[in-house]
Amino acid sequence: MNHLCDLTIKLDGGAINRLATDECAVLTEFRSRYEFALRLNDDERRTASKRYLHGETNDESEHKINETIDSSSTPLATYVIDHESLPPSGLRALDDVTLYRYLLADRRADGTFEPDLSYQRLLLALEFRKRFQCDDIVRRLQNNIDELNDDDTIPLCVRKCQRLRVGIYAGTDRESRPVVFERLGQFCSSGNVSKVSRDDWTLNYLYSLETHFAKMRESAMTTGTGVERIVFFADCSGVTSSIINGWIWKVVQLLKALANTVECHYPELVDHITLFNLPRAASAVFKVVKGFLDPVTASKIELYPGVPYARFAELLPDEIIPVEYGGKNRIDYPQTVFE
């Protein structure tokens, strides 16, 4: 969220610069509506939102509200913000990239938008971020990047989760998007899903998603180009044994819970999802997983029975592909810890 704001970069090639005229009009109206809500207190905002959704907008009353607020008082969007400074609603200034991300999340198959759904999704996401203190996570991650060795360290439970479910950032793809490789099959077969609480897995996932934004921001700063997505590759080696020992269904329950409670608040974050070394026996499991995924996310998934080096090479420089998959990247890629 807001990961591209305040960066001195050119957004050539970024989503915002690719918008058609009608898309620009929708985004402009969406921003106006959001900034109006941003200048209200929480009670006024809820009342205005209900009137809008029920077609009961009262021009006279909204005019009176507008008279009491200063349109120039809308704060500037920032990447790092003090969690305690946010109202209970979590409303904060947002950049266009973030607003467009939420519009895309509810785009219809015919290409048109559903701003009302996107607006409600956005409000729920901001309340969620306030409740789970996601901006504190952003600050901790930023301090970690800046090597500020104070009490702002990554929680021990998150570090444990990272050993139990291994994923790495291998670099960036040919479009400067961060690349994630994960040993998903090992995690499924390890039984590690039961080694920590559901709350710890939720916190770990929040750190993972906020790290995606941090990596996209880092890439944008390096390249001078807007970076709005990551690409994800999951090695499913070992998933067959998880089907045999039954651990796979506990993993599916965790993934479903994370999708329903967390992932829905981070829309349009991944561009490609590649599952490889996927045995035929896992097809039934994948159908179950696909059933609770967002349809847009599900449409981005590619399945391969082995290591699709040719596909990797289309998306990634050889220096980014780990050596065990035929590339030249000797980055540390730990095996999953089995506890």
C-alpha atoms as a PDB file:
ATOM      1  CA  MET A   1       0.000   0.000   0.000  1.00  0.00           C
ATOM      2  CA  ASN A   2       1.374   3.412  -1.010  1.00  0.00           C
ATOM      3  CA  HIS A   3       4.652   1.702  -1.892  1.00  0.00           C
ATOM      4  CA  LEU A   4       5.326   4.016  -4.873  1.00  0.00           C
ATOM      5  CA  CYS A   5       4.453   7.314  -3.211  1.00  0.00           C
ATOM      6  CA  ASP A   6       7.196   9.919  -2.605  1.00  0.00           C
ATOM      7  CA  LEU A   7       9.623   8.108  -4.925  1.00  0.00           C
ATOM      8  CA  THR A   8      11.428  10.179  -7.523  1.00  0.00           C
ATOM      9  CA  ILE A   9      10.783   7.781 -10.393  1.00  0.00           C
ATOM     10  CA  LYS A  10       9.180   7.791 -13.794  1.00  0.00           C
ATOM     11  CA  LEU A  11       6.081   5.639 -14.007  1.00  0.00           C
ATOM     12  CA  ASP A  12       6.572   4.952 -17.724  1.00  0.00           C
ATOM     13  CA  GLY A  13       5.145   1.499 -18.335  1.00  0.00           C
ATOM     14  CA  GLY A  14       3.313   1.523 -15.011  1.00  0.00           C
ATOM     15  CA  ALA A  15      -0.392   0.694 -14.786  1.00  0.00           C
ATOM     16  CA  ILE A  16      -1.423   4.288 -14.163  1.00  0.00           C
ATOM     17  CA  ASN A  17       0.188   5.517 -17.366  1.00  0.00           C
ATOM     18  CA  ARG A  18      -1.495   2.770 -19.355  1.00  0.00           C
ATOM     19  CA  LEU A  19      -5.018   3.783 -18.389  1.00  0.00           C
ATOM     20  CA  ALA A  20      -7.546   4.413 -21.123  1.00  0.00           C
ATOM     21  CA  THR A  21      -9.659   7.568 -20.987  1.00  0.00           C
ATOM     22  CA  ASP A  22     -12.658   5.809 -19.448  1.00  0.00           C
ATOM     23  CA  GLU A  23     -10.416   4.175 -16.831  1.00  0.00           C
ATOM     24  CA  CYS A  24      -8.952   7.543 -15.905  1.00  0.00           C
ATOM     25  CA  ALA A  25     -12.473   8.882 -15.412  1.00  0.00           C
ATOM     26  CA  VAL A  26     -13.376   6.012 -13.073  1.00  0.00           C
ATOM     27  CA  LEU A  27     -10.162   6.423 -11.092  1.00  0.00           C
ATOM     28  CA  THR A  28     -10.686  10.195 -10.795  1.00  0.00           C
ATOM     29  CA  GLU A  29     -14.228   9.727  -9.471  1.00  0.00           C
ATOM     30  CA  PHE A  30     -13.047   6.969  -7.126  1.00  0.00           C
ATOM     31  CA  ARG A  31     -10.324   9.233  -5.734  1.00  0.00           C
ATOM     32  CA  SER A  32     -12.775  12.114  -5.261  1.00  0.00           C
ATOM     33  CA  ARG A  33     -15.169   9.887  -3.363  1.00  0.00           C
ATOM     34  CA  TYR A  34     -12.394   8.495  -1.170  1.00  0.00           C
ATOM     35  CA  GLU A  35     -10.865  11.895  -0.421  1.00  0.00           C
ATOM     36  CA  PHE A  36     -14.293  13.221   0.546  1.00  0.00           C
ATOM     37  CA  ALA A  37     -14.594  10.347   3.062  1.00  0.00           C
ATOM     38  CA  LEU A  38     -11.049  10.989   4.258  1.00  0.00           C
ATOM     39  CA  ARG A  39     -11.977  14.501   5.348  1.00  0.00           C
ATOM     40  CA  LEU A  40     -14.970  13.338   7.408  1.00  0.00           C
ATOM     41  CA  ASN A  41     -14.937  11.901  10.896  1.00  0.00           C
ATOM     42  CA  ASP A  42     -15.880   8.223  11.180  1.00  0.00           C
ATOM     43  CA  ASP A  43     -19.551   8.840  12.014  1.00  0.00           C
ATOM     44  CA  GLU A  44     -20.015  11.287   9.103  1.00  0.00           C
ATOM     45  CA  ARG A  45     -18.243   8.881   6.762  1.00  0.00           C
ATOM     46  CA  ARG A  46     -20.474   5.927   7.693  1.00  0.00           C
ATOM     47  CA  THR A  47     -23.599   8.027   7.239  1.00  0.00           C
ATOM     48  CA  ALA A  48     -22.477   9.370   3.849  1.00  0.00           C
ATOM     49  CA  SER A  49     -21.479   5.869   2.711  1.00  0.00           C
ATOM     50  CA  LYS A  50     -24.889   4.399   3.613  1.00  0.00           C
ATOM     51  CA  ARG A  51     -26.720   7.201   1.801  1.00  0.00           C
ATOM     52  CA  TYR A  52     -24.578   6.678  -1.281  1.00  0.00           C
ATOM     53  CA  LEU A  53     -25.085   2.904  -1.389  1.00  0.00           C
ATOM     54  CA  HIS A  54     -28.852   3.243  -0.967  1.00  0.00           C
ATOM     55  CA  GLY A  55     -29.174   6.002  -3.541  1.00  0.00           C
ATOM     56  CA  GLU A  56     -30.164   8.478  -0.859  1.00  0.00           C
ATOM     57  CA  THR A  57     -27.505  11.117  -1.441  1.00  0.00           C
ATOM     58  CA  ASN A  58     -28.736  14.418  -0.110  1.00  0.00           C
ATOM     59  CA  ASP A  59     -27.043  17.220  -2.014  1.00  0.00           C
ATOM     60  CA  GLU A  60     -27.998  19.844   0.567  1.00  0.00           C
ATOM     61  CA  SER A  61     -26.594  17.896   3.525  1.00  0.00           C
ATOM     62  CA  GLU A  62     -23.417  16.998   1.654  1.00  0.00           C
ATOM     63  CA  HIS A  63     -23.026  20.640   0.697  1.00  0.00           C
ATOM     64  CA  LYS A  64     -23.184  21.567   4.388  1.00  0.00           C
ATOM     65  CA  ILE A  65     -20.527  18.966   5.174  1.00  0.00           C
ATOM     66  CA  ASN A  66     -18.353  20.307   2.401  1.00  0.00           C
ATOM     67  CA  GLU A  67     -18.687  23.815   3.840  1.00  0.00           C
ATOM     68  CA  THR A  68     -17.209  22.626   7.137  1.00  0.00           C
ATOM     69  CA  ILE A  69     -14.122  21.008   5.668  1.00  0.00           C
ATOM     70  CA  ASP A  70     -11.187  22.357   3.750  1.00  0.00           C
ATOM     71  CA  SER A  71     -10.534  20.457   0.528  1.00  0.00           C
ATOM     72  CA  SER A  72      -6.858  21.352   0.814  1.00  0.00           C
ATOM     73  CA  SER A  73      -6.668  19.537   4.165  1.00  0.00           C
ATOM     74  CA  THR A  74      -6.305  16.110   2.558  1.00  0.00           C
ATOM     75  CA  PRO A  75      -2.908  14.822   3.763  1.00  0.00           C
ATOM     76  CA  LEU A  76      -0.232  13.541   1.414  1.00  0.00           C
ATOM     77  CA  ALA A  77       0.206   9.816   0.916  1.00  0.00           C
ATOM     78  CA  THR A  78       3.286   8.355   2.603  1.00  0.00           C
ATOM     79  CA  TYR A  79       4.822   4.888   2.641  1.00  0.00           C
ATOM     80  CA  VAL A  80       5.579   4.681   6.372  1.00  0.00           C
ATOM     81  CA  ILE A  81       2.964   6.046   8.762  1.00  0.00           C
ATOM     82  CA  ASP A  82       2.567   5.965  12.532  1.00  0.00           C
ATOM     83  CA  HIS A  83       0.014   3.290  13.368  1.00  0.00           C
ATOM     84  CA  GLU A  84      -1.176   5.186  16.433  1.00  0.00           C
ATOM     85  CA  SER A  85      -1.983   8.267  14.356  1.00  0.00           C
ATOM     86  CA  LEU A  86      -4.647   6.452  12.337  1.00  0.00           C
ATOM     87  CA  PRO A  87      -8.355   6.689  13.268  1.00  0.00           C
ATOM     88  CA  PRO A  88     -10.275   3.481  14.105  1.00  0.00           C
ATOM     89  CA  SER A  89     -11.385   3.298  10.470  1.00  0.00           C
ATOM     90  CA  GLY A  90      -7.741   3.205   9.390  1.00  0.00           C
ATOM     91  CA  LEU A  91      -8.412   5.838   6.712  1.00  0.00           C
ATOM     92  CA  ARG A  92      -5.265   7.471   5.376  1.00  0.00           C
ATOM     93  CA  ALA A  93      -4.148   9.253   2.239  1.00  0.00           C
ATOM     94  CA  LEU A  94      -3.625   6.797  -0.634  1.00  0.00           C
ATOM     95  CA  ASP A  95      -1.721   7.060  -3.892  1.00  0.00           C
ATOM     96  CA  ASP A  96      -3.299   6.368  -7.297  1.00  0.00           C
ATOM     97  CA  VAL A  97      -1.523   3.031  -7.678  1.00  0.00           C
ATOM     98  CA  THR A  98      -3.181   1.758  -4.496  1.00  0.00           C
ATOM     99  CA  LEU A  99      -6.621   3.063  -5.453  1.00  0.00           C
ATOM    100  CA  TYR A 100      -6.346   1.519  -8.919  1.00  0.00           C
ATOM    101  CA  ARG A 101      -5.322  -1.799  -7.359  1.00  0.00           C
ATOM    102  CA  TYR A 102      -8.625  -1.943  -5.489  1.00  0.00           C
ATOM    103  CA  LEU A 103     -10.610  -0.968  -8.582  1.00  0.00           C
ATOM    104  CA  LEU A 104      -8.988  -3.827 -10.490  1.00  0.00           C
ATOM    105  CA  ALA A 105      -9.905  -6.322  -7.775  1.00  0.00           C
ATOM    106  CA  ASP A 106     -13.605  -6.050  -8.668  1.00  0.00           C
ATOM    107  CA  ARG A 107     -13.351  -5.478 -12.393  1.00  0.00           C
ATOM    108  CA  ARG A 108     -15.978  -7.352 -14.395  1.00  0.00           C
ATOM    109  CA  ALA A 109     -15.139  -9.841 -17.132  1.00  0.00           C
ATOM    110  CA  ASP A 110     -16.215  -7.285 -19.747  1.00  0.00           C
ATOM    111  CA  GLY A 111     -13.600  -4.812 -18.480  1.00  0.00           C
ATOM    112  CA  THR A 112     -15.948  -2.440 -16.685  1.00  0.00           C
ATOM    113  CA  PHE A 113     -15.502  -1.541 -13.018  1.00  0.00           C
ATOM    114  CA  GLU A 114     -17.680  -1.869  -9.919  1.00  0.00           C
ATOM    115  CA  PRO A 115     -16.604   1.153  -7.856  1.00  0.00           C
ATOM    116  CA  ASP A 116     -19.119   0.511  -5.052  1.00  0.00           C
ATOM    117  CA  LEU A 117     -17.724  -2.965  -4.397  1.00  0.00           C
ATOM    118  CA  SER A 118     -14.164  -1.681  -4.662  1.00  0.00           C
ATOM    119  CA  TYR A 119     -14.909   1.153  -2.246  1.00  0.00           C
ATOM    120  CA  GLN A 120     -16.335  -1.205   0.366  1.00  0.00           C
ATOM    121  CA  ARG A 121     -13.396  -3.597  -0.143  1.00  0.00           C
ATOM    122  CA  LEU A 122     -11.020  -0.694   0.428  1.00  0.00           C
ATOM    123  CA  LEU A 123     -12.746   0.469   3.624  1.00  0.00           C
ATOM    124  CA  LEU A 124     -12.703  -3.079   5.017  1.00  0.00           C
ATOM    125  CA  ALA A 125      -9.024  -3.427   4.130  1.00  0.00           C
ATOM    126  CA  LEU A 126      -8.135  -0.194   5.930  1.00  0.00           C
ATOM    127  CA  GLU A 127     -10.031  -1.310   9.043  1.00  0.00           C
ATOM    128  CA  PHE A 128      -8.213  -4.647   8.832  1.00  0.00           C
ATOM    129  CA  ARG A 129      -4.813  -2.911   8.594  1.00  0.00           C
ATOM    130  CA  LYS A 130      -5.609  -0.820  11.663  1.00  0.00           C
ATOM    131  CA  ARG A 131      -6.794  -3.835  13.657  1.00  0.00           C
ATOM    132  CA  PHE A 132      -3.741  -5.975  12.796  1.00  0.00           C
ATOM    133  CA  GLN A 133      -1.305  -3.042  13.050  1.00  0.00           C
ATOM    134  CA  CYS A 134       0.004  -3.574   9.512  1.00  0.00           C
ATOM    135  CA  ASP A 135       1.631  -0.146   9.454  1.00  0.00           C
ATOM    136  CA  ASP A 136       3.732  -1.189  12.430  1.00  0.00           C
ATOM    137  CA  ILE A 137       4.875  -4.142  10.309  1.00  0.00           C
ATOM    138  CA  VAL A 138       5.807  -1.724   7.508  1.00  0.00           C
ATOM    139  CA  ARG A 139       7.852   0.344   9.948  1.00  0.00           C
ATOM    140  CA  ARG A 140       9.623  -2.733  11.339  1.00  0.00           C
ATOM    141  CA  LEU A 141      10.476  -3.969   7.852  1.00  0.00           C
ATOM    142  CA  GLN A 142      11.735  -0.524   6.836  1.00  0.00           C
ATOM    143  CA  ASN A 143      13.927  -0.341   9.926  1.00  0.00           C
ATOM    144  CA  ASN A 144      15.236  -3.807   9.104  1.00  0.00           C
ATOM    145  CA  ILE A 145      16.141  -2.654   5.581  1.00  0.00           C
ATOM    146  CA  ASP A 146      17.774   0.471   6.991  1.00  0.00           C
ATOM    147  CA  GLU A 147      19.690  -1.736   9.476  1.00  0.00           C
ATOM    148  CA  LEU A 148      18.355   0.093  12.505  1.00  0.00           C
ATOM    149  CA  ASN A 149      19.261  -2.474  15.141  1.00  0.00           C
ATOM    150  CA  ASP A 150      16.913  -1.429  17.928  1.00  0.00           C
ATOM    151  CA  ASP A 151      13.816  -3.120  19.321  1.00  0.00           C
ATOM    152  CA  ASP A 152      12.141  -3.066  15.893  1.00  0.00           C
ATOM    153  CA  THR A 153      13.174  -6.610  15.015  1.00  0.00           C
ATOM    154  CA  ILE A 154      11.103  -9.200  13.189  1.00  0.00           C
ATOM    155  CA  PRO A 155       9.112 -11.203  15.806  1.00  0.00           C
ATOM    156  CA  LEU A 156      10.577 -14.566  16.770  1.00  0.00           C
ATOM    157  CA  CYS A 157       7.347 -16.358  15.839  1.00  0.00           C
ATOM    158  CA  VAL A 158       7.624 -14.943  12.293  1.00  0.00           C
ATOM    159  CA  ARG A 159      11.236 -16.063  11.996  1.00  0.00           C
ATOM    160  CA  LYS A 160      10.165 -19.539  13.123  1.00  0.00           C
ATOM    161  CA  CYS A 161       7.398 -19.619  10.512  1.00  0.00           C
ATOM    162  CA  GLN A 162       9.921 -18.638   7.855  1.00  0.00           C
ATOM    163  CA  ARG A 163      11.990 -21.727   8.732  1.00  0.00           C
ATOM    164  CA  LEU A 164       8.925 -23.960   8.717  1.00  0.00           C
ATOM    165  CA  ARG A 165       7.633 -22.615   5.388  1.00  0.00           C
ATOM    166  CA  VAL A 166      10.589 -21.638   3.230  1.00  0.00           C
ATOM    167  CA  GLY A 167      10.411 -18.966   0.568  1.00  0.00           C
ATOM    168  CA  ILE A 168      13.100 -16.682  -0.847  1.00  0.00           C
ATOM    169  CA  TYR A 169      13.364 -13.546  -2.954  1.00  0.00           C
ATOM    170  CA  ALA A 170      15.595 -14.618  -5.830  1.00  0.00           C
ATOM    171  CA  GLY A 171      15.916 -11.177  -7.449  1.00  0.00           C
ATOM    172  CA  THR A 172      13.765  -9.513 -10.093  1.00  0.00           C
ATOM    173  CA  ASP A 173      12.303 -10.721 -13.376  1.00  0.00           C
ATOM    174  CA  ARG A 174      12.710  -9.172 -16.824  1.00  0.00           C
ATOM    175  CA  GLU A 175      10.158  -6.480 -15.878  1.00  0.00           C
ATOM    176  CA  SER A 176      11.822  -5.632 -12.543  1.00  0.00           C
ATOM    177  CA  ARG A 177       9.190  -7.456 -10.498  1.00  0.00           C
ATOM    178  CA  PRO A 178      10.382  -9.263  -7.356  1.00  0.00           C
ATOM    179  CA  VAL A 179      10.655 -13.037  -7.790  1.00  0.00           C
ATOM    180  CA  VAL A 180       9.624 -15.448  -5.026  1.00  0.00           C
ATOM    181  CA  PHE A 181      10.495 -19.155  -4.965  1.00  0.00           C
ATOM    182  CA  GLU A 182       8.889 -21.329  -2.299  1.00  0.00           C
ATOM    183  CA  ARG A 183       9.298 -24.972  -1.247  1.00  0.00           C
ATOM    184  CA  LEU A 184       5.549 -25.460  -0.989  1.00  0.00           C
ATOM    185  CA  GLY A 185       5.595 -29.250  -1.391  1.00  0.00           C
ATOM    186  CA  GLN A 186       8.015 -29.669   1.505  1.00  0.00           C
ATOM    187  CA  PHE A 187       5.825 -27.489   3.703  1.00  0.00           C
ATOM    188  CA  CYS A 188       2.743 -29.533   2.835  1.00  0.00           C
ATOM    189  CA  SER A 189       4.420 -32.859   3.678  1.00  0.00           C
ATOM    190  CA  SER A 190       6.311 -31.714   6.782  1.00  0.00           C
ATOM    191  CA  GLY A 191       3.443 -31.374   9.229  1.00  0.00           C
ATOM    192  CA  ASN A 192       4.843 -27.942  10.099  1.00  0.00           C
ATOM    193  CA  VAL A 193       1.405 -26.409   9.627  1.00  0.00           C
ATOM    194  CA  SER A 194       0.564 -27.643  13.140  1.00  0.00           C
ATOM    195  CA  LYS A 195       3.817 -26.525  14.755  1.00  0.00           C
ATOM    196  CA  VAL A 196       2.651 -22.941  15.358  1.00  0.00           C
ATOM    197  CA  SER A 197      -0.708 -21.345  16.038  1.00  0.00           C
ATOM    198  CA  ARG A 198      -3.088 -20.016  13.397  1.00  0.00           C
ATOM    199  CA  ASP A 199      -2.456 -16.503  14.758  1.00  0.00           C
ATOM    200  CA  ASP A 200       1.286 -16.928  14.176  1.00  0.00           C
ATOM    201  CA  TRP A 201       0.700 -18.081  10.599  1.00  0.00           C
ATOM    202  CA  THR A 202      -1.534 -15.052  10.062  1.00  0.00           C
ATOM    203  CA  LEU A 203       1.142 -12.695  11.386  1.00  0.00           C
ATOM    204  CA  ASN A 204       3.773 -14.413   9.254  1.00  0.00           C
ATOM    205  CA  TYR A 205       1.598 -13.998   6.158  1.00  0.00           C
ATOM    206  CA  LEU A 206       1.144 -10.300   6.897  1.00  0.00           C
ATOM    207  CA  TYR A 207       4.925  -9.901   7.116  1.00  0.00           C
ATOM    208  CA  SER A 208       5.263 -11.769   3.826  1.00  0.00           C
ATOM    209  CA  LEU A 209       2.718  -9.595   2.015  1.00  0.00           C
ATOM    210  CA  GLU A 210       4.140  -6.346   3.384  1.00  0.00           C
ATOM    211  CA  THR A 211       7.620  -7.541   2.374  1.00  0.00           C
ATOM    212  CA  HIS A 212       6.301  -7.883  -1.187  1.00  0.00           C
ATOM    213  CA  PHE A 213       5.506  -4.158  -1.122  1.00  0.00           C
ATOM    214  CA  ALA A 214       8.920  -3.366   0.359  1.00  0.00           C
ATOM    215  CA  LYS A 215      10.649  -5.372  -2.389  1.00  0.00           C
ATOM    216  CA  MET A 216       8.568  -3.707  -5.109  1.00  0.00           C
ATOM    217  CA  ARG A 217       9.480  -0.322  -3.650  1.00  0.00           C
ATOM    218  CA  GLU A 218      13.154  -1.260  -3.546  1.00  0.00           C
ATOM    219  CA  SER A 219      13.046  -2.372  -7.194  1.00  0.00           C
ATOM    220  CA  ALA A 220      11.248   0.840  -8.213  1.00  0.00           C
ATOM    221  CA  MET A 221      13.897   2.933  -6.477  1.00  0.00           C
ATOM    222  CA  THR A 222      16.657   0.986  -8.235  1.00  0.00           C
ATOM    223  CA  THR A 223      15.178   1.044 -11.733  1.00  0.00           C
ATOM    224  CA  GLY A 224      13.287   4.339 -11.701  1.00  0.00           C
ATOM    225  CA  THR A 225      10.227   2.470 -12.993  1.00  0.00           C
ATOM    226  CA  GLY A 226       6.939   1.759 -11.241  1.00  0.00           C
ATOM    227  CA  VAL A 227       6.792  -1.847  -9.995  1.00  0.00           C
ATOM    228  CA  GLU A 228       3.307  -3.023  -9.054  1.00  0.00           C
ATOM    229  CA  ARG A 229       3.404  -6.850  -8.950  1.00  0.00           C
ATOM    230  CA  ILE A 230       5.531  -9.800  -7.929  1.00  0.00           C
ATOM    231  CA  VAL A 231       5.888 -13.200  -9.617  1.00  0.00           C
ATOM    232  CA  PHE A 232       5.604 -16.387  -7.575  1.00  0.00           C
ATOM    233  CA  PHE A 233       7.018 -19.878  -8.205  1.00  0.00           C
ATOM    234  CA  ALA A 234       6.113 -22.799  -5.935  1.00  0.00           C
ATOM    235  CA  ASP A 235       8.065 -26.066  -5.994  1.00  0.00           C
ATOM    236  CA  CYS A 236       5.513 -28.773  -5.201  1.00  0.00           C
ATOM    237  CA  SER A 237       8.046 -31.592  -4.758  1.00  0.00           C
ATOM    238  CA  GLY A 238       6.917 -33.788  -1.887  1.00  0.00           C
ATOM    239  CA  VAL A 239       3.248 -32.953  -2.093  1.00  0.00           C
ATOM    240  CA  THR A 240       2.380 -36.600  -2.884  1.00  0.00           C
ATOM    241  CA  SER A 241       3.548 -37.749   0.538  1.00  0.00           C
ATOM    242  CA  SER A 242       1.418 -34.995   2.103  1.00  0.00           C
ATOM    243  CA  ILE A 243      -1.620 -36.488   0.382  1.00  0.00           C
ATOM    244  CA  ILE A 244      -0.723 -39.937   1.699  1.00  0.00           C
ATOM    245  CA  ASN A 245      -0.114 -38.809   5.290  1.00  0.00           C
ATOM    246  CA  GLY A 246      -3.070 -36.414   5.246  1.00  0.00           C
ATOM    247  CA  TRP A 247      -1.163 -33.237   6.132  1.00  0.00           C
ATOM    248  CA  ILE A 248      -2.233 -31.642   2.875  1.00  0.00           C
ATOM    249  CA  TRP A 249      -5.765 -31.049   4.173  1.00  0.00           C
ATOM    250  CA  LYS A 250      -4.524 -29.143   7.205  1.00  0.00           C
ATOM    251  CA  VAL A 251      -2.478 -26.990   4.827  1.00  0.00           C
ATOM    252  CA  VAL A 252      -5.558 -26.451   2.650  1.00  0.00           C
ATOM    253  CA  GLN A 253      -7.513 -25.340   5.741  1.00  0.00           C
ATOM    254  CA  LEU A 254      -4.742 -22.849   6.578  1.00  0.00           C
ATOM    255  CA  LEU A 255      -4.592 -21.516   3.014  1.00  0.00           C
ATOM    256  CA  LYS A 256      -8.369 -21.121   2.948  1.00  0.00           C
ATOM    257  CA  ALA A 257      -8.341 -19.230   6.251  1.00  0.00           C
ATOM    258  CA  LEU A 258      -5.548 -16.933   5.063  1.00  0.00           C
ATOM    259  CA  ALA A 259      -7.348 -16.297   1.773  1.00  0.00           C
ATOM    260  CA  ASN A 260     -10.599 -15.425   3.540  1.00  0.00           C
ATOM    261  CA  THR A 261      -9.183 -13.261   6.329  1.00  0.00           C
ATOM    262  CA  VAL A 262      -5.965 -11.755   4.956  1.00  0.00           C
ATOM    263  CA  GLU A 263      -5.395 -12.151   1.221  1.00  0.00           C
ATOM    264  CA  CYS A 264      -8.694 -10.483   0.298  1.00  0.00           C
ATOM    265  CA  HIS A 265      -7.279  -7.239   1.708  1.00  0.00           C
ATOM    266  CA  TYR A 266      -4.195  -7.379  -0.548  1.00  0.00           C
ATOM    267  CA  PRO A 267      -5.689  -7.567  -4.048  1.00  0.00           C
ATOM    268  CA  GLU A 268      -3.850  -7.512  -7.375  1.00  0.00           C
ATOM    269  CA  LEU A 269      -0.435  -8.163  -5.864  1.00  0.00           C
ATOM    270  CA  VAL A 270       0.764 -11.146  -7.946  1.00  0.00           C
ATOM    271  CA  ASP A 271       1.179 -11.203 -11.716  1.00  0.00           C
ATOM    272  CA  HIS A 272       2.160 -14.847 -12.351  1.00  0.00           C
ATOM    273  CA  ILE A 273       1.773 -17.898 -10.111  1.00  0.00           C
ATOM    274  CA  THR A 274       3.642 -20.982 -11.290  1.00  0.00           C
ATOM    275  CA  LEU A 275       3.215 -24.327  -9.536  1.00  0.00           C
ATOM    276  CA  PHE A 276       5.796 -26.852 -10.750  1.00  0.00           C
ATOM    277  CA  ASN A 277       6.911 -30.391  -9.912  1.00  0.00           C
ATOM    278  CA  LEU A 278       3.191 -30.931  -9.429  1.00  0.00           C
ATOM    279  CA  PRO A 279       2.153 -34.621  -9.574  1.00  0.00           C
ATOM    280  CA  ARG A 280      -1.094 -35.705 -11.186  1.00  0.00           C
ATOM    281  CA  ALA A 281      -2.284 -36.971  -7.800  1.00  0.00           C
ATOM    282  CA  ALA A 282      -2.495 -33.361  -6.607  1.00  0.00           C
ATOM    283  CA  SER A 283      -5.028 -32.296  -9.227  1.00  0.00           C
ATOM    284  CA  ALA A 284      -7.986 -32.961  -6.926  1.00  0.00           C
ATOM    285  CA  VAL A 285      -6.380 -30.920  -4.166  1.00  0.00           C
ATOM    286  CA  PHE A 286      -5.754 -28.066  -6.573  1.00  0.00           C
ATOM    287  CA  LYS A 287      -9.435 -28.032  -7.562  1.00  0.00           C
ATOM    288  CA  VAL A 288     -10.356 -27.596  -3.891  1.00  0.00           C
ATOM    289  CA  VAL A 289      -7.844 -24.775  -3.455  1.00  0.00           C
ATOM    290  CA  LYS A 290      -8.942 -23.060  -6.655  1.00  0.00           C
ATOM    291  CA  GLY A 291     -12.507 -23.078  -5.353  1.00  0.00           C
ATOM    292  CA  PHE A 292     -11.778 -20.623  -2.535  1.00  0.00           C
ATOM    293  CA  LEU A 293      -9.305 -18.429  -4.380  1.00  0.00           C
ATOM    294  CA  ASP A 294     -10.302 -15.127  -5.896  1.00  0.00           C
ATOM    295  CA  PRO A 295     -11.210 -15.901  -9.548  1.00  0.00           C
ATOM    296  CA  VAL A 296      -8.747 -13.295 -10.822  1.00  0.00           C
ATOM    297  CA  THR A 297      -5.958 -14.859  -8.759  1.00  0.00           C
ATOM    298  CA  ALA A 298      -6.924 -18.373  -9.842  1.00  0.00           C
ATOM    299  CA  SER A 299      -6.738 -17.343 -13.502  1.00  0.00           C
ATOM    300  CA  LYS A 300      -3.069 -16.416 -13.063  1.00  0.00           C
ATOM    301  CA  ILE A 301      -1.988 -19.923 -11.994  1.00  0.00           C
ATOM    302  CA  GLU A 302       0.089 -22.094 -14.313  1.00  0.00           C
ATOM    303  CA  LEU A 303       0.663 -25.812 -13.595  1.00  0.00           C
ATOM    304  CA  TYR A 304       3.647 -27.924 -14.651  1.00  0.00           C
ATOM    305  CA  PRO A 305       4.432 -31.588 -13.827  1.00  0.00           C
ATOM    306  CA  GLY A 306       8.206 -31.001 -13.860  1.00  0.00           C
ATOM    307  CA  VAL A 307      10.607 -28.060 -13.847  1.00  0.00           C
ATOM    308  CA  PRO A 308       9.516 -25.725 -16.680  1.00  0.00           C
ATOM    309  CA  TYR A 309      12.911 -24.214 -17.406  1.00  0.00           C
ATOM    310  CA  ALA A 310      11.754 -22.806 -20.749  1.00  0.00           C
ATOM    311  CA  ARG A 311       8.928 -20.947 -18.999  1.00  0.00           C
ATOM    312  CA  PHE A 312      11.302 -19.728 -16.297  1.00  0.00           C
ATOM    313  CA  ALA A 313      13.643 -18.405 -18.997  1.00  0.00           C
ATOM    314  CA  GLU A 314      10.796 -16.454 -20.631  1.00  0.00           C
ATOM    315  CA  LEU A 315      10.166 -14.556 -17.423  1.00  0.00           C
ATOM    316  CA  LEU A 316      13.528 -14.558 -15.660  1.00  0.00           C
ATOM    317  CA  PRO A 317      17.175 -13.914 -16.504  1.00  0.00           C
ATOM    318  CA  ASP A 318      19.294 -17.047 -16.045  1.00  0.00           C
ATOM    319  CA  GLU A 319      21.063 -15.349 -13.130  1.00  0.00           C
ATOM    320  CA  ILE A 320      17.772 -15.284 -11.210  1.00  0.00           C
ATOM    321  CA  ILE A 321      16.754 -18.932 -11.710  1.00  0.00           C
ATOM    322  CA  PRO A 322      18.122 -21.079  -8.822  1.00  0.00           C
ATOM    323  CA  VAL A 323      20.808 -23.563  -9.866  1.00  0.00           C
ATOM    324  CA  GLU A 324      18.700 -26.544  -8.781  1.00  0.00           C
ATOM    325  CA  TYR A 325      16.176 -25.570 -11.467  1.00  0.00           C
ATOM    326  CA  GLY A 326      18.781 -25.163 -14.210  1.00  0.00           C
ATOM    327  CA  GLY A 327      19.757 -21.524 -13.714  1.00  0.00           C
ATOM    328  CA  LYS A 328      22.845 -19.755 -12.383  1.00  0.00           C
ATOM    329  CA  ASN A 329      21.508 -18.271  -9.163  1.00  0.00           C
ATOM    330  CA  ARG A 330      23.439 -19.655  -6.191  1.00  0.00           C
ATOM    331  CA  ILE A 331      21.372 -17.778  -3.634  1.00  0.00           C
ATOM    332  CA  ASP A 332      20.867 -19.481  -0.282  1.00  0.00           C
ATOM    333  CA  TYR A 333      17.655 -21.482  -0.688  1.00  0.00           C
ATOM    334  CA  PRO A 334      17.264 -23.521   2.519  1.00  0.00           C
ATOM    335  CA  GLN A 335      15.494 -26.811   2.797  1.00  0.00           C
ATOM    336  CA  THR A 336      12.378 -26.798   4.951  1.00  0.00           C
ATOM    337  CA  VAL A 337      12.962 -27.496   8.642  1.00  0.00           C
ATOM    338  CA  PHE A 338      11.088 -30.623   9.730  1.00  0.00           C
ATOM    339  CA  GLU A 339      10.355 -30.349  13.453  1.00  0.00           C
END
